[in-house]
Amino acid sequence: MLHSSSDADDAVQEALFKAWRHFGRFRPEADLKPWFLAIVANECRSQRRNRWSSVVKFADQVESSADAELDAEVADLRTALYRLPHDKRLVLVLRYYLDLGFDEMGAVLKTSPKAAKSRTYRALELLRLSPEVQPDE
């Protein structure tokens, strides 16, 4: 989501602090995982809105491209994921990286499971159209 593992660690730590601070708002009958993942997703969004994030990202991209040891297919897939809009990338990360079901995704995204499934399908279609993931002719 944030293109950087250190930024992701910071976002999770900040989200954990916010969840702890506002734990009184959590309904005991609700599932904890979607509630916390929604806080993490919101924290990622707020970090991306920060005007300094683009300055820092450029320096990190130069540094990380030098030490990348991923094979070509994984690197192409990540590039394609990074080029997706934030909301499309979010549904793919929730579904395929965190292995959430559509019910849990709906809770995190504050939509119905059917809408989460539809968003996932549309994000996959965009990903399939990306030149990075096209098969070689």
C-alpha atoms as a PDB file:
ATOM      1  CA  MET A   1       0.000   0.000   0.000  1.00  0.00           C
ATOM      2  CA  LEU A   2       2.761   2.463   0.860  1.00  0.00           C
ATOM      3  CA  HIS A   3       5.560   1.108  -1.387  1.00  0.00           C
ATOM      4  CA  SER A   4       7.886   0.827   1.589  1.00  0.00           C
ATOM      5  CA  SER A   5       8.158  -1.711   4.362  1.00  0.00           C
ATOM      6  CA  SER A   6       9.396   0.899   6.836  1.00  0.00           C
ATOM      7  CA  ASP A   7       6.403   3.148   6.040  1.00  0.00           C
ATOM      8  CA  ALA A   8       4.112   0.145   6.417  1.00  0.00           C
ATOM      9  CA  ASP A   9       5.650  -0.631   9.810  1.00  0.00           C
ATOM     10  CA  ASP A  10       5.112   2.980  10.861  1.00  0.00           C
ATOM     11  CA  ALA A  11       1.492   2.885   9.660  1.00  0.00           C
ATOM     12  CA  VAL A  12       0.765  -0.324  11.573  1.00  0.00           C
ATOM     13  CA  GLN A  13       2.403   1.057  14.711  1.00  0.00           C
ATOM     14  CA  GLU A  14       0.398   4.288  14.488  1.00  0.00           C
ATOM     15  CA  ALA A  15      -2.784   2.324  13.788  1.00  0.00           C
ATOM     16  CA  LEU A  16      -2.113   0.111  16.802  1.00  0.00           C
ATOM     17  CA  PHE A  17      -1.708   3.198  18.961  1.00  0.00           C
ATOM     18  CA  LYS A  18      -4.961   4.678  17.630  1.00  0.00           C
ATOM     19  CA  ALA A  19      -6.794   1.370  18.123  1.00  0.00           C
ATOM     20  CA  TRP A  20      -5.541   1.142  21.704  1.00  0.00           C
ATOM     21  CA  ARG A  21      -6.525   4.735  22.409  1.00  0.00           C
ATOM     22  CA  HIS A  22     -10.040   4.246  20.982  1.00  0.00           C
ATOM     23  CA  PHE A  23     -10.637   0.670  22.105  1.00  0.00           C
ATOM     24  CA  GLY A  24     -13.614   1.872  24.135  1.00  0.00           C
ATOM     25  CA  ARG A  25     -15.452   2.494  20.846  1.00  0.00           C
ATOM     26  CA  PHE A  26     -15.058  -1.133  19.779  1.00  0.00           C
ATOM     27  CA  ARG A  27     -18.284  -3.137  20.003  1.00  0.00           C
ATOM     28  CA  PRO A  28     -17.638  -6.426  21.855  1.00  0.00           C
ATOM     29  CA  GLU A  29     -19.902  -8.407  19.496  1.00  0.00           C
ATOM     30  CA  ALA A  30     -17.979  -7.211  16.399  1.00  0.00           C
ATOM     31  CA  ASP A  31     -14.987  -8.913  14.819  1.00  0.00           C
ATOM     32  CA  LEU A  32     -11.679  -7.304  15.803  1.00  0.00           C
ATOM     33  CA  LYS A  33      -9.740  -8.025  12.578  1.00  0.00           C
ATOM     34  CA  PRO A  34     -11.828  -5.909  10.140  1.00  0.00           C
ATOM     35  CA  TRP A  35     -12.025  -3.093  12.687  1.00  0.00           C
ATOM     36  CA  PHE A  36      -8.251  -2.977  13.058  1.00  0.00           C
ATOM     37  CA  LEU A  37      -7.566  -3.377   9.321  1.00  0.00           C
ATOM     38  CA  ALA A  38      -9.866  -0.427   8.620  1.00  0.00           C
ATOM     39  CA  ILE A  39      -7.763   1.664  11.008  1.00  0.00           C
ATOM     40  CA  VAL A  40      -4.569   0.508   9.254  1.00  0.00           C
ATOM     41  CA  ALA A  41      -6.029   1.317   5.813  1.00  0.00           C
ATOM     42  CA  ASN A  42      -7.060   4.788   7.010  1.00  0.00           C
ATOM     43  CA  GLU A  43      -3.584   5.378   8.420  1.00  0.00           C
ATOM     44  CA  CYS A  44      -2.042   4.367   5.076  1.00  0.00           C
ATOM     45  CA  ARG A  45      -4.331   6.828   3.311  1.00  0.00           C
ATOM     46  CA  SER A  46      -3.394   9.632   5.665  1.00  0.00           C
ATOM     47  CA  GLN A  47       0.327   8.915   5.226  1.00  0.00           C
ATOM     48  CA  ARG A  48      -0.079   8.997   1.438  1.00  0.00           C
ATOM     49  CA  ARG A  49      -1.838  12.391   1.690  1.00  0.00           C
ATOM     50  CA  ASN A  50       1.104  13.844   3.577  1.00  0.00           C
ATOM     51  CA  ARG A  51       2.854  16.240   1.200  1.00  0.00           C
ATOM     52  CA  TRP A  52       6.321  15.109   2.340  1.00  0.00           C
ATOM     53  CA  SER A  53       5.630  11.492   1.457  1.00  0.00           C
ATOM     54  CA  SER A  54       6.321  12.095  -2.252  1.00  0.00           C
ATOM     55  CA  VAL A  55       9.700  13.664  -1.446  1.00  0.00           C
ATOM     56  CA  VAL A  56      10.716  10.806   0.815  1.00  0.00           C
ATOM     57  CA  LYS A  57       9.342   8.171  -1.600  1.00  0.00           C
ATOM     58  CA  PHE A  58      11.614   9.335  -4.408  1.00  0.00           C
ATOM     59  CA  ALA A  59      14.716   8.877  -2.259  1.00  0.00           C
ATOM     60  CA  ASP A  60      13.506   5.445  -1.117  1.00  0.00           C
ATOM     61  CA  GLN A  61      12.771   4.287  -4.679  1.00  0.00           C
ATOM     62  CA  VAL A  62      16.303   5.095  -5.810  1.00  0.00           C
ATOM     63  CA  GLU A  63      17.708   3.219  -2.822  1.00  0.00           C
ATOM     64  CA  SER A  64      15.389   0.220  -3.052  1.00  0.00           C
ATOM     65  CA  SER A  65      15.841  -0.262  -6.805  1.00  0.00           C
ATOM     66  CA  ALA A  66      19.554  -0.830  -6.273  1.00  0.00           C
ATOM     67  CA  ASP A  67      19.107  -3.695  -3.789  1.00  0.00           C
ATOM     68  CA  ALA A  68      16.036  -5.387  -5.291  1.00  0.00           C
ATOM     69  CA  GLU A  69      16.609  -9.122  -5.645  1.00  0.00           C
ATOM     70  CA  LEU A  70      13.161 -10.090  -6.919  1.00  0.00           C
ATOM     71  CA  ASP A  71      12.839 -12.114 -10.068  1.00  0.00           C
ATOM     72  CA  ALA A  72      11.461 -10.323 -13.118  1.00  0.00           C
ATOM     73  CA  GLU A  73       7.878 -11.600 -12.858  1.00  0.00           C
ATOM     74  CA  VAL A  74       7.436 -10.587  -9.222  1.00  0.00           C
ATOM     75  CA  ALA A  75       8.997  -7.190  -9.914  1.00  0.00           C
ATOM     76  CA  ASP A  76       6.644  -6.648 -12.861  1.00  0.00           C
ATOM     77  CA  LEU A  77       3.627  -7.619 -10.764  1.00  0.00           C
ATOM     78  CA  ARG A  78       4.640  -5.230  -8.001  1.00  0.00           C
ATOM     79  CA  THR A  79       5.161  -2.444 -10.518  1.00  0.00           C
ATOM     80  CA  ALA A  80       1.713  -3.073 -11.934  1.00  0.00           C
ATOM     81  CA  LEU A  81       0.209  -3.074  -8.424  1.00  0.00           C
ATOM     82  CA  TYR A  82       1.934   0.199  -7.553  1.00  0.00           C
ATOM     83  CA  ARG A  83       0.485   1.823 -10.664  1.00  0.00           C
ATOM     84  CA  LEU A  84      -3.080   0.940  -9.707  1.00  0.00           C
ATOM     85  CA  PRO A  85      -5.171   3.588  -7.969  1.00  0.00           C
ATOM     86  CA  HIS A  86      -5.087   3.361  -4.187  1.00  0.00           C
ATOM     87  CA  ASP A  87      -8.599   1.936  -3.795  1.00  0.00           C
ATOM     88  CA  LYS A  88      -7.963  -0.806  -6.379  1.00  0.00           C
ATOM     89  CA  ARG A  89      -4.636  -1.718  -4.776  1.00  0.00           C
ATOM     90  CA  LEU A  90      -6.305  -1.850  -1.358  1.00  0.00           C
ATOM     91  CA  VAL A  91      -8.843  -4.493  -2.376  1.00  0.00           C
ATOM     92  CA  LEU A  92      -6.150  -6.654  -3.978  1.00  0.00           C
ATOM     93  CA  VAL A  93      -3.934  -6.402  -0.905  1.00  0.00           C
ATOM     94  CA  LEU A  94      -6.827  -7.301   1.387  1.00  0.00           C
ATOM     95  CA  ARG A  95      -7.876 -10.243  -0.779  1.00  0.00           C
ATOM     96  CA  TYR A  96      -4.595 -11.760  -1.962  1.00  0.00           C
ATOM     97  CA  TYR A  97      -1.928 -10.574   0.473  1.00  0.00           C
ATOM     98  CA  LEU A  98      -3.969 -10.738   3.694  1.00  0.00           C
ATOM     99  CA  ASP A  99      -6.192 -13.564   2.402  1.00  0.00           C
ATOM    100  CA  LEU A 100      -9.436 -11.992   3.633  1.00  0.00           C
ATOM    101  CA  GLY A 101     -12.805 -13.287   2.573  1.00  0.00           C
ATOM    102  CA  PHE A 102     -15.323 -10.983   0.930  1.00  0.00           C
ATOM    103  CA  ASP A 103     -17.282 -10.689   4.197  1.00  0.00           C
ATOM    104  CA  GLU A 104     -14.211  -9.403   6.040  1.00  0.00           C
ATOM    105  CA  MET A 105     -13.252  -7.178   3.117  1.00  0.00           C
ATOM    106  CA  GLY A 106     -16.729  -5.671   3.167  1.00  0.00           C
ATOM    107  CA  ALA A 107     -16.328  -4.896   6.849  1.00  0.00           C
ATOM    108  CA  VAL A 108     -12.948  -3.239   6.297  1.00  0.00           C
ATOM    109  CA  LEU A 109     -14.136  -1.259   3.272  1.00  0.00           C
ATOM    110  CA  LYS A 110     -17.480  -0.471   4.902  1.00  0.00           C
ATOM    111  CA  THR A 111     -19.393  -2.023   1.996  1.00  0.00           C
ATOM    112  CA  SER A 112     -21.336  -5.206   1.390  1.00  0.00           C
ATOM    113  CA  PRO A 113     -19.508  -8.465   0.598  1.00  0.00           C
ATOM    114  CA  LYS A 114     -21.015  -8.303  -2.892  1.00  0.00           C
ATOM    115  CA  ALA A 115     -19.551  -4.835  -3.443  1.00  0.00           C
ATOM    116  CA  ALA A 116     -16.160  -6.041  -2.174  1.00  0.00           C
ATOM    117  CA  LYS A 117     -16.276  -8.904  -4.659  1.00  0.00           C
ATOM    118  CA  SER A 118     -17.181  -6.522  -7.477  1.00  0.00           C
ATOM    119  CA  ARG A 119     -14.370  -4.118  -6.553  1.00  0.00           C
ATOM    120  CA  THR A 120     -11.916  -7.018  -6.514  1.00  0.00           C
ATOM    121  CA  TYR A 121     -13.030  -8.134  -9.969  1.00  0.00           C
ATOM    122  CA  ARG A 122     -12.640  -4.603 -11.387  1.00  0.00           C
ATOM    123  CA  ALA A 123      -9.181  -4.230  -9.809  1.00  0.00           C
ATOM    124  CA  LEU A 124      -8.095  -7.552 -11.310  1.00  0.00           C
ATOM    125  CA  GLU A 125      -9.321  -6.437 -14.729  1.00  0.00           C
ATOM    126  CA  LEU A 126      -7.210  -3.278 -14.472  1.00  0.00           C
ATOM    127  CA  LEU A 127      -4.235  -5.349 -13.373  1.00  0.00           C
ATOM    128  CA  ARG A 128      -4.671  -7.715 -16.327  1.00  0.00           C
ATOM    129  CA  LEU A 129      -4.602  -4.759 -18.718  1.00  0.00           C
ATOM    130  CA  SER A 130      -1.303  -3.524 -17.293  1.00  0.00           C
ATOM    131  CA  PRO A 131       1.641  -3.959 -19.695  1.00  0.00           C
ATOM    132  CA  GLU A 132       3.841  -5.298 -16.876  1.00  0.00           C
ATOM    133  CA  VAL A 133       1.743  -8.449 -16.519  1.00  0.00           C
ATOM    134  CA  GLN A 134       1.101  -9.126 -20.222  1.00  0.00           C
ATOM    135  CA  PRO A 135       2.557 -12.446 -21.418  1.00  0.00           C
ATOM    136  CA  ASP A 136       5.504 -12.263 -23.759  1.00  0.00           C
ATOM    137  CA  GLU A 137       4.596 -12.843 -27.380  1.00  0.00           C
END
